[in-house]
Amino acid sequence: MTVLIADDSKYILDRLQDMLNELDEVLLVGAYDNGTEALNAINELKPDLAILDNKMPGMKGIDVIKEVRKGNSMIQFMLLTFYTNAYYKSQALKVGANYFLSKSEDFEKVSDVVKNLTIDHN
C-alpha cells in the first residue's frame, strides 16, 4: 500500500514516517509540509492513502480532499488534527475523508487503522 503524508509540524511528520516505516505493507511515497505540495503530489503519485493535517500552509487538509474528490478518486484519506470538534469532523466527512483522528487522543491508532485498511485496486 502506498501512503503519502502531509503536516506542517516536522515533529508529527517524523513520528508518522517512523510509525509507517515499521509496517511491512506500507511504502511511504512522500512527506510534505504544506497542502499545496500535498495536493500536487497526490494528483501525480495517486497513493492508496493520504494522511493529512487540516491546518497547513497553502491549503487546508479538508480543501485538499475536496479538490481530489472532484475527480472521484478512490484514494482513501485520513485527516489527523488537533481540531476535533463535531463541526470539523462533519466537514471532513462531508468532503470525503474516510478517517478523522485526533493527534492528541488517537495518534497511536494511526498504524492500526493503516494495517486494517483494505485497498481496492479495481
C-alpha atoms as a PDB file:
ATOM      1  CA  MET A   1       0.000   0.000   0.000  1.00  0.00           C
ATOM      2  CA  THR A   2       1.344   3.425  -0.903  1.00  0.00           C
ATOM      3  CA  VAL A   3       0.939   6.234   1.622  1.00  0.00           C
ATOM      4  CA  LEU A   4       1.559   9.975   1.415  1.00  0.00           C
ATOM      5  CA  ILE A   5       1.667  12.212   4.493  1.00  0.00           C
ATOM      6  CA  ALA A   6       1.376  15.976   4.931  1.00  0.00           C
ATOM      7  CA  ASP A   7       1.682  18.039   8.109  1.00  0.00           C
ATOM      8  CA  ASP A   8       3.305  21.395   8.802  1.00  0.00           C
ATOM      9  CA  SER A   9       4.845  20.055  12.021  1.00  0.00           C
ATOM     10  CA  LYS A  10       8.246  18.433  11.448  1.00  0.00           C
ATOM     11  CA  TYR A  11       7.765  16.523  14.703  1.00  0.00           C
ATOM     12  CA  ILE A  12       4.465  14.985  13.520  1.00  0.00           C
ATOM     13  CA  LEU A  13       5.913  14.204  10.073  1.00  0.00           C
ATOM     14  CA  ASP A  14       8.902  12.473  11.655  1.00  0.00           C
ATOM     15  CA  ARG A  15       6.683  10.441  14.008  1.00  0.00           C
ATOM     16  CA  LEU A  16       4.376   9.415  11.168  1.00  0.00           C
ATOM     17  CA  GLN A  17       7.338   8.389   8.997  1.00  0.00           C
ATOM     18  CA  ASP A  18       8.791   6.291  11.812  1.00  0.00           C
ATOM     19  CA  MET A  19       5.417   4.676  12.506  1.00  0.00           C
ATOM     20  CA  LEU A  20       4.690   3.889   8.863  1.00  0.00           C
ATOM     21  CA  ASN A  21       8.206   2.658   8.106  1.00  0.00           C
ATOM     22  CA  GLU A  22       7.668  -0.074  10.714  1.00  0.00           C
ATOM     23  CA  LEU A  23       4.780  -1.506   8.671  1.00  0.00           C
ATOM     24  CA  ASP A  24       5.934  -4.036   6.071  1.00  0.00           C
ATOM     25  CA  GLU A  25       2.904  -3.498   3.862  1.00  0.00           C
ATOM     26  CA  VAL A  26       3.428   0.292   3.579  1.00  0.00           C
ATOM     27  CA  LEU A  27       5.530   2.190   1.064  1.00  0.00           C
ATOM     28  CA  LEU A  28       5.804   5.852   2.040  1.00  0.00           C
ATOM     29  CA  VAL A  29       5.815   7.782  -1.244  1.00  0.00           C
ATOM     30  CA  GLY A  30       6.091  11.317   0.109  1.00  0.00           C
ATOM     31  CA  ALA A  31       6.078  13.637   3.109  1.00  0.00           C
ATOM     32  CA  TYR A  32       5.054  17.272   2.674  1.00  0.00           C
ATOM     33  CA  ASP A  33       4.749  20.284   4.959  1.00  0.00           C
ATOM     34  CA  ASN A  34       2.006  22.179   3.123  1.00  0.00           C
ATOM     35  CA  GLY A  35      -1.307  21.462   1.485  1.00  0.00           C
ATOM     36  CA  THR A  36      -0.479  22.763  -1.983  1.00  0.00           C
ATOM     37  CA  GLU A  37       2.518  20.447  -2.341  1.00  0.00           C
ATOM     38  CA  ALA A  38       0.452  17.579  -0.933  1.00  0.00           C
ATOM     39  CA  LEU A  39      -2.322  18.159  -3.490  1.00  0.00           C
ATOM     40  CA  ASN A  40       0.149  18.224  -6.376  1.00  0.00           C
ATOM     41  CA  ALA A  41       1.850  15.049  -5.123  1.00  0.00           C
ATOM     42  CA  ILE A  42      -1.470  13.231  -4.592  1.00  0.00           C
ATOM     43  CA  ASN A  43      -2.556  14.056  -8.137  1.00  0.00           C
ATOM     44  CA  GLU A  44       0.778  12.875  -9.515  1.00  0.00           C
ATOM     45  CA  LEU A  45       1.531   9.849  -7.316  1.00  0.00           C
ATOM     46  CA  LYS A  46      -2.021   8.613  -6.658  1.00  0.00           C
ATOM     47  CA  PRO A  47      -1.260   6.951  -3.307  1.00  0.00           C
ATOM     48  CA  ASP A  48      -3.657   4.440  -1.785  1.00  0.00           C
ATOM     49  CA  LEU A  49      -3.869   6.566   1.376  1.00  0.00           C
ATOM     50  CA  ALA A  50      -3.113  10.200   2.166  1.00  0.00           C
ATOM     51  CA  ILE A  51      -2.764  11.221   5.811  1.00  0.00           C
ATOM     52  CA  LEU A  52      -3.295  14.959   6.086  1.00  0.00           C
ATOM     53  CA  ASP A  53      -3.235  17.645   8.734  1.00  0.00           C
ATOM     54  CA  ASN A  54      -6.121  20.074   8.419  1.00  0.00           C
ATOM     55  CA  LYS A  55      -4.333  23.314   9.333  1.00  0.00           C
ATOM     56  CA  MET A  56      -1.395  23.675   6.927  1.00  0.00           C
ATOM     57  CA  PRO A  57       0.081  26.482   4.863  1.00  0.00           C
ATOM     58  CA  GLY A  58      -1.078  26.619   1.257  1.00  0.00           C
ATOM     59  CA  MET A  59      -4.268  24.599   1.620  1.00  0.00           C
ATOM     60  CA  LYS A  60      -6.128  23.006   4.495  1.00  0.00           C
ATOM     61  CA  GLY A  61      -6.369  19.234   4.512  1.00  0.00           C
ATOM     62  CA  ILE A  62     -10.137  19.442   4.008  1.00  0.00           C
ATOM     63  CA  ASP A  63      -9.601  21.554   0.884  1.00  0.00           C
ATOM     64  CA  VAL A  64      -7.048  19.070  -0.466  1.00  0.00           C
ATOM     65  CA  ILE A  65      -9.572  16.244  -0.006  1.00  0.00           C
ATOM     66  CA  LYS A  66     -12.320  18.303  -1.645  1.00  0.00           C
ATOM     67  CA  GLU A  67     -10.129  19.004  -4.702  1.00  0.00           C
ATOM     68  CA  VAL A  68      -9.054  15.384  -5.116  1.00  0.00           C
ATOM     69  CA  ARG A  69     -12.619  14.112  -4.690  1.00  0.00           C
ATOM     70  CA  LYS A  70     -13.786  16.281  -7.619  1.00  0.00           C
ATOM     71  CA  GLY A  71     -12.127  13.655  -9.796  1.00  0.00           C
ATOM     72  CA  ASN A  72     -13.972  10.850  -7.950  1.00  0.00           C
ATOM     73  CA  SER A  73     -10.662   9.499  -6.717  1.00  0.00           C
ATOM     74  CA  MET A  74     -10.517   6.172  -4.943  1.00  0.00           C
ATOM     75  CA  ILE A  75      -7.717   7.429  -2.701  1.00  0.00           C
ATOM     76  CA  GLN A  76      -8.507   6.994   0.979  1.00  0.00           C
ATOM     77  CA  PHE A  77      -7.976   9.964   3.265  1.00  0.00           C
ATOM     78  CA  MET A  78      -7.190  10.227   6.950  1.00  0.00           C
ATOM     79  CA  LEU A  79      -7.481  13.682   8.479  1.00  0.00           C
ATOM     80  CA  LEU A  80      -5.237  13.862  11.541  1.00  0.00           C
ATOM     81  CA  THR A  81      -5.766  17.058  13.506  1.00  0.00           C
ATOM     82  CA  PHE A  82      -5.853  18.789  16.876  1.00  0.00           C
ATOM     83  CA  TYR A  83      -9.151  20.413  15.825  1.00  0.00           C
ATOM     84  CA  THR A  84     -11.532  17.550  16.529  1.00  0.00           C
ATOM     85  CA  ASN A  85     -14.805  19.198  17.432  1.00  0.00           C
ATOM     86  CA  ALA A  86     -18.012  17.991  15.790  1.00  0.00           C
ATOM     87  CA  TYR A  87     -18.015  20.798  13.207  1.00  0.00           C
ATOM     88  CA  TYR A  88     -14.583  19.884  11.800  1.00  0.00           C
ATOM     89  CA  LYS A  89     -15.423  16.187  11.830  1.00  0.00           C
ATOM     90  CA  SER A  90     -18.688  16.744   9.941  1.00  0.00           C
ATOM     91  CA  GLN A  91     -16.898  18.938   7.374  1.00  0.00           C
ATOM     92  CA  ALA A  92     -14.154  16.338   6.881  1.00  0.00           C
ATOM     93  CA  LEU A  93     -16.628  13.509   6.377  1.00  0.00           C
ATOM     94  CA  LYS A  94     -18.759  15.666   4.087  1.00  0.00           C
ATOM     95  CA  VAL A  95     -15.880  16.263   1.659  1.00  0.00           C
ATOM     96  CA  GLY A  96     -14.874  12.601   1.641  1.00  0.00           C
ATOM     97  CA  ALA A  97     -12.429  11.887   4.467  1.00  0.00           C
ATOM     98  CA  ASN A  98     -12.502   8.188   5.317  1.00  0.00           C
ATOM     99  CA  TYR A  99     -10.971   8.637   8.778  1.00  0.00           C
ATOM    100  CA  PHE A 100     -10.867  11.551  11.213  1.00  0.00           C
ATOM    101  CA  LEU A 101      -8.428  11.162  14.102  1.00  0.00           C
ATOM    102  CA  SER A 102      -7.245  13.373  16.919  1.00  0.00           C
ATOM    103  CA  LYS A 103      -3.496  13.978  17.135  1.00  0.00           C
ATOM    104  CA  SER A 104      -3.739  14.237  20.905  1.00  0.00           C
ATOM    105  CA  GLU A 105      -6.032  11.260  21.570  1.00  0.00           C
ATOM    106  CA  ASP A 106      -5.756   8.899  18.592  1.00  0.00           C
ATOM    107  CA  PHE A 107      -2.226   9.326  17.214  1.00  0.00           C
ATOM    108  CA  GLU A 108      -1.064   5.868  18.252  1.00  0.00           C
ATOM    109  CA  LYS A 109      -4.094   4.353  16.463  1.00  0.00           C
ATOM    110  CA  VAL A 110      -2.836   5.514  13.062  1.00  0.00           C
ATOM    111  CA  SER A 111      -0.754   2.382  12.463  1.00  0.00           C
ATOM    112  CA  ASP A 112      -3.662   0.119  13.471  1.00  0.00           C
ATOM    113  CA  VAL A 113      -6.002   1.909  11.055  1.00  0.00           C
ATOM    114  CA  VAL A 114      -3.421   1.643   8.274  1.00  0.00           C
ATOM    115  CA  LYS A 115      -2.821  -2.070   8.974  1.00  0.00           C
ATOM    116  CA  ASN A 116      -6.557  -2.752   8.749  1.00  0.00           C
ATOM    117  CA  LEU A 117      -7.180  -0.818   5.537  1.00  0.00           C
ATOM    118  CA  THR A 118      -8.486  -2.714   2.582  1.00  0.00           C
ATOM    119  CA  ILE A 119      -7.435  -1.184  -0.696  1.00  0.00           C
ATOM    120  CA  ASP A 120      -9.446  -1.943  -3.828  1.00  0.00           C
ATOM    121  CA  HIS A 121      -7.249  -1.522  -6.901  1.00  0.00           C
ATOM    122  CA  ASN A 122     -10.023  -2.267  -9.407  1.00  0.00           C
END
